[in-house]
Amino acid sequence: MKRVSIILTVVGIILIFVAIFYFRPALNVVDSDTMTVGPNGVKTSEWPLFVGILTTFVGICFYFISVANDKKAKN
C-alpha cells in the first residue's frame, strides 16, 4: 500500500505541474467562470489541475493510513 500511495502522490504532483505549465487560464465572459485554454486554443475546464490535486491528496491519505496500520501491527 505504501508503494501505491507514493506512486499516486508522485503522479499527482506531475499532473499538477503539467496542468500549470501546459494550460493557461482564461476568463470565459459568457459563463463568468474560469476556464483553461489548451495549446491548440480550445477552452476547457480546469480538470487536469483538479485531478492532480485530488490524486496527490488521495496518495498522501493512503500513505498515512498505511503508516498507521504498520504501527498498529507492530504493537
Protein backbone atom coordinates (compact mmCIF):
# COMPACT_ATOMS: atom_id res chain seq x y z
CA MET A 1 0.00 0.00 0.00
CA LYS A 2 2.92 2.34 0.66
CA ARG A 3 4.26 1.90 -2.87
CA VAL A 4 0.88 2.64 -4.40
CA SER A 5 0.45 5.73 -2.24
CA ILE A 6 3.90 7.04 -3.15
CA ILE A 7 3.22 6.40 -6.84
CA LEU A 8 -0.16 8.19 -6.59
CA THR A 9 1.47 11.17 -4.87
CA VAL A 10 4.22 11.45 -7.48
CA VAL A 11 1.75 11.12 -10.36
CA GLY A 12 -0.46 13.77 -8.76
CA ILE A 13 2.44 16.20 -8.39
CA ILE A 14 3.45 15.60 -12.02
CA LEU A 15 -0.15 16.25 -13.12
CA ILE A 16 -0.23 19.50 -11.16
CA PHE A 17 2.97 20.79 -12.79
CA VAL A 18 1.85 19.71 -16.26
CA ALA A 19 -1.50 21.44 -15.79
CA ILE A 20 0.15 24.63 -14.54
CA PHE A 21 2.65 24.87 -17.40
CA TYR A 22 0.65 23.28 -20.24
CA PHE A 23 -2.68 25.08 -19.83
CA ARG A 24 -3.08 28.82 -19.39
CA PRO A 25 -6.03 30.35 -17.52
CA ALA A 26 -8.59 32.48 -19.34
CA LEU A 27 -11.84 34.09 -18.26
CA ASN A 28 -14.94 32.94 -20.08
CA VAL A 29 -17.02 36.11 -20.21
CA VAL A 30 -20.23 34.36 -21.26
CA ASP A 31 -20.30 31.93 -18.33
CA SER A 32 -18.44 34.18 -15.87
CA ASP A 33 -16.38 31.12 -14.99
CA THR A 34 -12.67 30.45 -15.13
CA MET A 35 -11.60 28.17 -17.94
CA THR A 36 -8.26 26.99 -19.28
CA VAL A 37 -7.08 27.25 -22.83
CA GLY A 38 -5.03 24.39 -24.22
CA PRO A 39 -2.11 24.84 -26.60
CA ASN A 40 -4.42 24.36 -29.59
CA GLY A 41 -6.67 27.25 -28.42
CA VAL A 42 -9.63 25.16 -27.23
CA LYS A 43 -11.25 26.29 -23.98
CA THR A 44 -11.70 23.55 -21.39
CA SER A 45 -12.45 23.40 -17.70
CA GLU A 46 -9.67 23.12 -15.14
CA TRP A 47 -9.99 19.32 -14.79
CA PRO A 48 -6.28 18.49 -15.21
CA LEU A 49 -5.33 20.64 -12.23
CA PHE A 50 -8.23 19.33 -10.14
CA VAL A 51 -7.34 15.71 -10.93
CA GLY A 52 -3.70 16.35 -9.99
CA ILE A 53 -4.65 17.87 -6.64
CA LEU A 54 -7.12 15.07 -5.94
CA THR A 55 -4.60 12.34 -6.85
CA THR A 56 -1.96 13.91 -4.62
CA PHE A 57 -4.40 14.16 -1.71
CA VAL A 58 -5.51 10.52 -2.10
CA GLY A 59 -1.89 9.36 -2.27
CA ILE A 60 -0.98 11.25 0.92
CA CYS A 61 -4.06 9.89 2.73
CA PHE A 62 -3.23 6.32 1.68
CA TYR A 63 0.34 6.79 2.86
CA PHE A 64 -0.68 7.94 6.34
CA ILE A 65 -3.22 5.12 6.60
CA SER A 66 -0.57 2.54 5.69
CA VAL A 67 1.90 4.03 8.21
CA ALA A 68 -0.76 3.89 10.93
CA ASN A 69 -1.55 0.27 10.05
CA ASP A 70 2.17 -0.63 10.22
CA LYS A 71 2.47 0.94 13.68
CA LYS A 72 -0.66 -0.90 14.83
CA ALA A 73 0.68 -4.22 13.50
CA LYS A 74 3.99 -3.79 15.36
CA ASN A 75 2.23 -3.30 18.70
